[in-house]
Protein backbone atom coordinates (compact mmCIF):
# COMPACT_ATOMS: atom_id res chain seq x y z
CA MET A 1 -84.02 18.14 -12.20
CA PRO A 2 -84.62 16.73 -8.67
CA THR A 3 -87.49 14.41 -8.24
CA LYS A 4 -90.25 14.97 -5.67
CA ILE A 5 -88.93 14.59 -2.02
CA GLU A 6 -90.58 11.40 -0.46
CA LYS A 7 -89.74 8.99 2.20
CA ASP A 8 -87.87 5.84 1.56
CA THR A 9 -90.02 2.80 2.09
CA ILE A 10 -87.24 0.61 3.71
CA SER A 11 -85.43 3.02 5.94
CA GLY A 12 -88.35 5.47 6.58
CA ARG A 13 -86.07 8.45 5.95
CA GLU A 14 -86.85 11.44 3.70
CA THR A 15 -84.89 11.55 0.51
CA THR A 16 -83.11 14.63 -0.90
CA GLY A 17 -85.15 14.45 -4.21
CA HIS A 18 -82.08 13.15 -6.20
CA GLU A 19 -82.29 9.96 -8.00
CA TRP A 20 -79.72 8.14 -10.28
CA ASP A 21 -80.64 5.00 -12.21
CA GLY A 22 -83.38 4.23 -9.64
CA ILE A 23 -81.22 4.97 -6.60
CA ARG A 24 -82.56 7.64 -4.44
CA GLU A 25 -80.33 9.59 -2.02
CA LEU A 26 -81.23 9.57 1.60
CA ASN A 27 -81.43 12.90 3.53
CA THR A 28 -79.26 11.52 6.51
CA PRO A 29 -77.76 14.37 8.68
CA LEU A 30 -74.47 13.94 10.35
CA PRO A 31 -74.30 12.67 13.96
CA LYS A 32 -74.31 15.73 16.29
CA TRP A 33 -71.28 14.57 18.03
CA TRP A 34 -69.45 14.55 14.69
CA VAL A 35 -70.58 18.17 13.97
CA TYR A 36 -69.63 19.25 17.30
CA VAL A 37 -66.10 17.75 16.96
CA PHE A 38 -65.80 19.49 13.52
CA TYR A 39 -66.69 22.78 15.08
CA ALA A 40 -64.23 22.27 17.87
CA THR A 41 -61.49 21.56 15.46
CA ILE A 42 -62.20 24.82 13.69
CA VAL A 43 -61.97 26.70 17.02
CA TRP A 44 -58.73 24.71 17.86
CA ALA A 45 -57.27 25.69 14.49
CA ILE A 46 -57.96 29.34 15.11
CA GLY A 47 -56.38 29.04 18.65
CA MET A 48 -53.17 27.40 17.27
CA PHE A 49 -53.16 29.98 14.40
CA LEU A 50 -53.07 33.05 16.79
CA LEU A 51 -50.79 31.36 19.44
CA TYR A 52 -48.18 29.91 17.31
CA PRO A 53 -46.23 31.05 14.23
CA SER A 54 -48.31 30.97 11.24
CA ILE A 55 -48.71 33.78 8.51
CA PRO A 56 -45.51 34.36 6.37
CA PHE A 57 -44.69 37.96 5.58
CA VAL A 58 -42.22 39.21 2.88
CA HIS A 59 -39.37 39.59 5.35
CA SER A 60 -40.60 37.96 8.41
CA TYR A 61 -43.67 35.99 9.78
CA PHE A 62 -46.36 36.16 12.54
CA HIS A 63 -44.60 34.96 15.61
CA GLY A 64 -47.68 34.04 17.53
CA LEU A 65 -49.03 35.36 20.66
CA LEU A 66 -46.82 32.86 22.76
CA GLY A 67 -43.68 33.81 20.74
CA TYR A 68 -42.75 30.10 20.44
CA SER A 69 -39.84 29.05 18.20
CA SER A 70 -39.00 25.60 17.29
CA ARG A 71 -35.51 26.61 16.34
CA ALA A 72 -34.95 28.13 19.83
CA ASP A 73 -36.38 24.87 21.38
CA ALA A 74 -34.02 22.76 19.27
CA MET A 75 -31.00 24.96 20.17
CA ALA A 76 -31.88 24.72 23.88
CA GLY A 77 -31.77 20.96 23.69
CA VAL A 78 -28.38 21.10 21.85
CA SER A 79 -27.07 23.39 24.50
CA GLU A 80 -28.30 20.91 27.06
CA MET A 81 -26.59 18.12 25.30
CA ASN A 82 -23.34 20.02 24.91
CA ALA A 83 -23.40 20.93 28.68
CA LEU A 84 -23.89 17.21 29.50
CA HIS A 85 -21.11 16.18 27.05
CA ALA A 86 -18.72 18.66 28.41
CA LYS A 87 -19.33 17.45 31.98
CA GLN A 88 -18.69 13.82 30.84
CA MET A 89 -15.66 14.83 28.99
CA GLU A 90 -14.42 16.58 32.12
CA GLN A 91 -14.93 13.41 34.04
CA ILE A 92 -12.93 11.54 31.39
CA GLY A 93 -10.09 13.96 31.64
CA LYS A 94 -9.83 13.59 35.29
CA LEU A 95 -10.31 9.75 35.67
CA SER A 96 -7.65 7.07 34.88
CA PHE A 97 -8.24 4.47 32.06
CA ALA A 98 -9.14 1.85 34.52
CA GLU A 99 -11.94 4.06 36.28
CA ILE A 100 -13.31 5.04 32.75
CA GLN A 101 -13.58 1.43 31.63
CA LYS A 102 -15.30 0.51 34.70
CA ASN A 103 -17.89 3.19 34.07
CA HIS A 104 -20.20 2.00 31.32
CA ASP A 105 -21.79 5.34 30.40
CA LEU A 106 -18.46 7.21 30.40
CA MET A 107 -16.87 4.38 28.41
CA GLU A 108 -19.58 4.74 25.76
CA VAL A 109 -19.08 8.53 25.71
CA ALA A 110 -15.32 8.03 25.30
CA LEU A 111 -15.59 5.52 22.55
CA THR A 112 -18.09 7.67 20.75
CA ALA A 113 -15.98 10.82 20.95
CA GLY A 114 -12.94 8.90 20.08
CA ARG A 115 -14.45 7.36 16.99
CA ILE A 116 -15.64 10.92 15.74
CA THR A 117 -12.21 12.40 16.55
CA PHE A 118 -10.39 9.47 14.77
CA ALA A 119 -12.49 9.85 11.69
CA ASP A 120 -11.82 13.61 11.51
CA ASN A 121 -8.08 13.53 12.11
CA CYS A 122 -6.63 9.98 11.88
CA GLN A 123 -8.69 8.04 9.23
CA PRO A 124 -6.92 9.71 6.20
CA CYS A 125 -3.52 8.02 7.21
CA HIS A 126 -4.51 5.09 9.27
CA GLY A 127 -7.62 4.02 7.41
CA PRO A 128 -11.39 4.12 8.39
CA ASN A 129 -11.07 0.98 10.74
CA GLY A 130 -7.46 1.45 11.61
CA GLU A 131 -6.35 -1.04 9.08
CA GLY A 132 -3.46 1.21 7.97
CA ARG A 133 -1.96 2.09 4.64
CA ILE A 134 1.44 1.90 3.02
CA GLY A 135 3.69 3.96 5.31
CA PHE A 136 1.04 4.24 7.98
CA PRO A 137 0.80 1.60 10.72
CA ALA A 138 -2.17 -0.60 11.10
CA LEU A 139 -3.87 -0.06 14.42
CA ASP A 140 -6.07 -3.12 14.48
CA THR A 141 -3.21 -5.73 14.83
CA ASP A 142 -1.02 -6.60 17.67
CA VAL A 143 2.14 -5.44 15.91
CA TRP A 144 3.16 -2.29 17.66
CA ARG A 145 6.43 -0.22 17.08
CA TRP A 146 6.11 1.61 20.47
CA GLY A 147 3.74 -0.48 22.31
CA GLY A 148 -0.04 -1.11 22.31
CA THR A 149 -0.97 -0.44 25.98
CA LEU A 150 -3.40 2.36 26.71
CA GLU A 151 -0.56 4.53 28.22
CA ALA A 152 1.71 3.65 25.23
CA ILE A 153 -0.86 4.71 22.58
CA GLN A 154 -1.69 7.80 24.68
CA GLN A 155 1.98 8.78 24.73
CA THR A 156 2.15 8.42 21.03
CA ILE A 157 -0.96 10.49 20.18
CA THR A 158 0.06 13.19 22.58
CA HIS A 159 3.50 13.74 21.56
CA GLY A 160 3.83 12.17 18.10
CA ILE A 161 6.44 10.53 16.29
CA ARG A 162 9.44 12.55 14.96
CA ALA A 163 7.30 15.57 15.56
CA ASN A 164 8.13 19.12 16.81
CA ASP A 165 7.63 18.20 20.41
CA PRO A 166 10.39 17.72 23.03
CA GLU A 167 8.76 14.55 24.29
CA THR A 168 8.14 13.04 20.78
CA ARG A 169 9.02 9.46 20.03
CA ASN A 170 12.10 9.31 17.89
CA SER A 171 14.15 6.79 16.11
CA GLN A 172 16.44 6.74 13.25
CA MET A 173 17.33 3.82 11.02
CA PRO A 174 20.90 4.40 9.43
CA SER A 175 21.19 4.69 5.66
CA PHE A 176 23.19 1.51 5.30
CA GLY A 177 23.44 1.95 1.47
CA ALA A 178 23.41 5.68 0.99
CA ASP A 179 25.99 6.19 3.70
CA GLY A 180 28.36 3.37 2.60
CA ILE A 181 27.89 1.36 5.80
CA LEU A 182 27.18 -1.76 3.81
CA LYS A 183 28.05 -2.71 0.14
CA PRO A 184 25.19 -3.37 -2.36
CA GLU A 185 26.13 -7.15 -2.26
CA GLN A 186 25.86 -7.11 1.47
CA ILE A 187 22.47 -5.48 1.29
CA GLN A 188 21.37 -8.11 -1.17
CA GLN A 189 22.42 -10.68 1.40
CA VAL A 190 20.83 -9.13 4.42
CA ALA A 191 17.61 -8.82 2.40
CA ASP A 192 17.73 -12.63 1.70
CA TYR A 193 17.90 -13.19 5.47
CA VAL A 194 15.15 -10.77 6.32
CA MET A 195 12.83 -12.49 3.86
CA THR A 196 13.31 -15.48 6.07
CA LEU A 197 12.11 -13.64 8.96
CA TYR A 198 8.95 -12.62 6.82
CA GLY A 199 8.33 -16.17 6.16
CA LYS A 200 9.06 -15.66 2.47
CA ALA A 201 12.48 -17.23 2.09
CA LYS A 202 13.33 -18.63 -1.40
CA PRO A 203 14.40 -22.37 -1.31
CA GLY A 204 17.96 -23.15 -1.89
CA VAL A 205 19.24 -19.54 -0.99
CA ASP A 206 22.14 -19.63 1.35
CA VAL A 207 21.34 -16.79 3.87
CA SER A 208 24.31 -17.42 6.20
CA ALA A 209 26.12 -14.43 5.14
CA GLY A 210 23.10 -12.21 5.50
CA ALA A 211 22.41 -13.55 8.91
CA LYS A 212 25.75 -12.57 10.05
CA ILE A 213 25.48 -9.04 8.48
CA PHE A 214 22.14 -8.72 10.42
CA ALA A 215 23.60 -9.82 13.64
CA GLU A 216 26.32 -7.25 13.45
CA ASN A 217 24.29 -4.35 12.08
CA CYS A 218 20.65 -4.79 12.71
CA ALA A 219 20.13 -7.06 15.67
CA MET A 220 20.87 -4.36 18.17
CA CYS A 221 17.74 -2.61 17.28
CA HIS A 222 15.30 -5.29 15.65
CA GLY A 223 16.44 -8.13 17.90
CA ASP A 224 18.52 -11.14 17.40
CA LYS A 225 15.41 -12.97 16.13
CA GLY A 226 13.73 -10.05 14.46
CA GLN A 227 11.32 -9.53 17.29
CA GLY A 228 11.78 -5.70 17.46
CA ASN A 229 12.52 -3.36 20.15
CA ARG A 230 9.76 -0.94 21.32
CA ASP A 231 12.38 1.13 23.35
CA VAL A 232 13.74 2.45 20.11
CA GLY A 233 10.72 1.97 17.93
CA ALA A 234 12.28 -0.70 15.80
CA PRO A 235 9.58 -2.78 14.12
CA PRO A 236 9.45 -6.53 14.47
CA LEU A 237 10.65 -8.20 11.28
CA ALA A 238 9.52 -11.69 12.24
CA SER A 239 5.92 -10.65 11.44
CA ARG A 240 3.23 -10.69 8.77
CA VAL A 241 2.49 -6.93 9.15
CA HIS A 242 5.07 -4.47 7.68
CA LEU A 243 4.88 -0.78 7.16
CA TYR A 244 6.10 -0.36 3.65
CA GLY A 245 5.27 -3.86 2.29
CA ASP A 246 6.99 -7.37 2.42
CA SER A 247 8.61 -7.60 -0.97
CA ARG A 248 12.34 -8.09 -1.19
CA GLU A 249 12.60 -4.85 -3.25
CA THR A 250 11.00 -3.00 -0.48
CA VAL A 251 13.50 -4.55 1.91
CA VAL A 252 16.43 -3.53 -0.25
CA ALA A 253 15.09 0.04 -0.55
CA GLN A 254 14.67 0.31 3.19
CA VAL A 255 17.96 -0.84 4.09
CA THR A 256 19.59 1.21 1.45
CA ARG A 257 17.82 4.52 2.05
CA PRO A 258 15.21 4.22 4.76
CA ARG A 259 11.98 6.10 4.89
CA HIS A 260 11.15 7.73 8.24
CA GLY A 261 7.42 8.64 8.92
CA VAL A 262 6.20 11.49 10.92
CA MET A 263 3.06 11.63 13.13
CA PRO A 264 1.86 15.07 14.57
CA ASN A 265 1.82 15.72 18.22
CA TRP A 266 -1.82 16.09 18.89
CA ASN A 267 -1.46 17.88 22.20
CA LYS A 268 -1.56 21.23 20.43
CA ARG A 269 -4.94 20.38 18.71
CA LEU A 270 -6.78 18.08 20.94
CA SER A 271 -7.70 18.41 24.59
CA PRO A 272 -6.31 15.84 27.06
CA ALA A 273 -9.71 14.42 27.66
CA THR A 274 -10.23 14.06 23.82
CA ILE A 275 -6.77 12.28 23.43
CA LYS A 276 -7.80 9.97 26.08
CA ALA A 277 -11.08 9.28 24.26
CA VAL A 278 -9.09 8.54 20.96
CA THR A 279 -6.66 6.40 22.98
CA LEU A 280 -9.49 4.08 24.18
CA TYR A 281 -11.05 4.05 20.75
CA VAL A 282 -7.72 2.91 19.14
CA HIS A 283 -7.13 0.44 21.86
CA SER A 284 -10.62 -1.12 21.05
CA LEU A 285 -9.90 -1.46 17.36
CA GLY A 286 -8.61 -4.98 18.09
CA GLY A 287 -4.77 -4.48 18.55
CA GLY A 288 -4.77 -2.97 21.86
CA GLU A 289 -2.77 -4.80 24.57
């Protein structure tokens, strides 16, 4: 039961009449400013409740007197960003590579668009960072079959390699073994010589015969020192980067019955501006010239 209401001797305030273990509760009202703020929040809540979407129904909801929609607001922002992106991509399509590289904002847009497009279309073959896979060239090195300039990369992406495009890059390595151009022992000899170009020569192996066979059959494409020939897409052999591996067995297999990869011509799937963006991104991976 509440005790008799009386004044506290220390503060001079009335008590509520409640007491616990000798401690009496003071009857201290809330500050008026706090009460007014509290009432104001109630009024504010009612106003927000009426103006903006609030009550859910079975198949819809109360849209509010203002008819505001956060979804419509978000979609308007997306549309605005898409319009800006389209305008920037239009500029990228019109400008030269040099002009794009001089424009910091456009270059950032191009690299971002190129990275996204690369991830969607090129990554399965060339790897997430352009590191390449067996049978698919690495793009982060300076070893290029057709050239690593911006223009050369753009040409390759646009028209592909051995693709169904009149301007596609094309090359054909003869099947020296399958077509009987070289005998099996000659293929073994030329493989020994190629391993010297790879930097993996076996000590004490005479490669003079293989060097002669190479000069007569391979040098016209791969170069007399294995430096490669970009005019015909012949890869450099005097390198540490190789499309199908660097084992002797791989060399023998390639000379006997070569594999020829195919890259799609992306001009049927990507816009010229997007191809430019991918070109700039590939060029930035580390192997661009």
